[in-house]
Amino acid sequence: MWITGDELVVVDGQPVTAEQLAEARQEIAHNGTGVPLWHELTDDERQTSRVAAAGWILALGTVLNRR
């Protein structure tokens, strides 16, 4: 696994973007609680979720760098 500065993580050779993480998290939340799906969110809500996911990627990088 490696992390770039472009809000991208590569897991098992597959790139995963912050947006893909945010969308997947929204789907999990939808399945568990019935909140709106990704395409049902407003542009602002999707952007907020992307920013959070980018933070998750940076946090993951910090954790991995501590090892």
Protein backbone atom coordinates (compact mmCIF):
# COMPACT_ATOMS: atom_id res chain seq x y z
CA MET A 1 0.00 0.00 0.00
CA TRP A 2 1.23 3.50 -0.74
CA ILE A 3 -0.25 6.96 -0.44
CA THR A 4 0.27 9.94 -2.71
CA GLY A 5 -0.23 13.61 -1.99
CA ASP A 6 -3.12 13.61 -4.46
CA GLU A 7 -5.74 12.11 -2.13
CA LEU A 8 -5.06 8.66 -3.53
CA VAL A 9 -4.18 5.41 -1.83
CA VAL A 10 -2.98 2.33 -3.69
CA VAL A 11 -4.03 -0.99 -2.17
CA ASP A 12 -2.82 -4.21 -3.74
CA GLY A 13 -1.88 -2.28 -6.86
CA GLN A 14 -5.34 -0.70 -7.22
CA PRO A 15 -5.68 3.08 -6.89
CA VAL A 16 -8.50 4.29 -4.66
CA THR A 17 -9.42 7.98 -4.62
CA ALA A 18 -10.88 10.01 -1.79
CA GLU A 19 -14.10 10.27 -3.79
CA GLN A 20 -14.36 6.50 -4.13
CA LEU A 21 -13.85 6.10 -0.38
CA ALA A 22 -16.45 8.77 0.34
CA GLU A 23 -18.96 7.17 -2.01
CA ALA A 24 -18.41 3.71 -0.50
CA ARG A 25 -18.81 5.10 3.01
CA GLN A 26 -22.06 6.77 1.99
CA GLU A 27 -23.34 3.45 0.61
CA ILE A 28 -22.48 1.70 3.88
CA ALA A 29 -24.29 4.42 5.84
CA HIS A 30 -27.28 4.16 3.51
CA ASN A 31 -27.50 0.41 3.98
CA GLY A 32 -27.26 0.76 7.75
CA THR A 33 -29.43 3.78 8.41
CA GLY A 34 -31.19 4.76 5.21
CA VAL A 35 -29.36 8.06 4.71
CA PRO A 36 -29.27 9.27 1.09
CA LEU A 37 -27.08 7.54 -1.48
CA TRP A 38 -24.10 9.38 -3.01
CA HIS A 39 -26.00 10.55 -6.09
CA GLU A 40 -28.78 11.88 -3.85
CA LEU A 41 -26.44 14.21 -1.93
CA THR A 42 -26.03 17.85 -2.86
CA ASP A 43 -22.77 19.00 -4.44
CA ASP A 44 -21.80 20.60 -1.12
CA GLU A 45 -22.49 17.40 0.80
CA ARG A 46 -20.40 15.37 -1.65
CA GLN A 47 -17.54 17.88 -1.38
CA THR A 48 -17.64 17.73 2.40
CA SER A 49 -17.49 13.95 2.24
CA ARG A 50 -14.56 14.05 -0.23
CA VAL A 51 -12.61 16.33 2.10
CA ALA A 52 -13.23 13.98 5.02
CA ALA A 53 -12.09 10.99 2.95
CA ALA A 54 -8.93 12.83 1.93
CA GLY A 55 -8.29 13.29 5.64
CA TRP A 56 -8.72 9.55 6.16
CA ILE A 57 -6.08 8.91 3.50
CA LEU A 58 -3.66 11.33 5.18
CA ALA A 59 -4.37 9.74 8.56
CA LEU A 60 -3.67 6.31 7.11
CA GLY A 61 -0.36 7.59 5.80
CA THR A 62 0.54 8.88 9.25
CA VAL A 63 -0.29 5.54 10.84
CA LEU A 64 1.74 3.63 8.28
CA ASN A 65 4.71 5.96 8.64
CA ARG A 66 4.82 5.27 12.38
CA ARG A 67 5.54 1.59 11.78
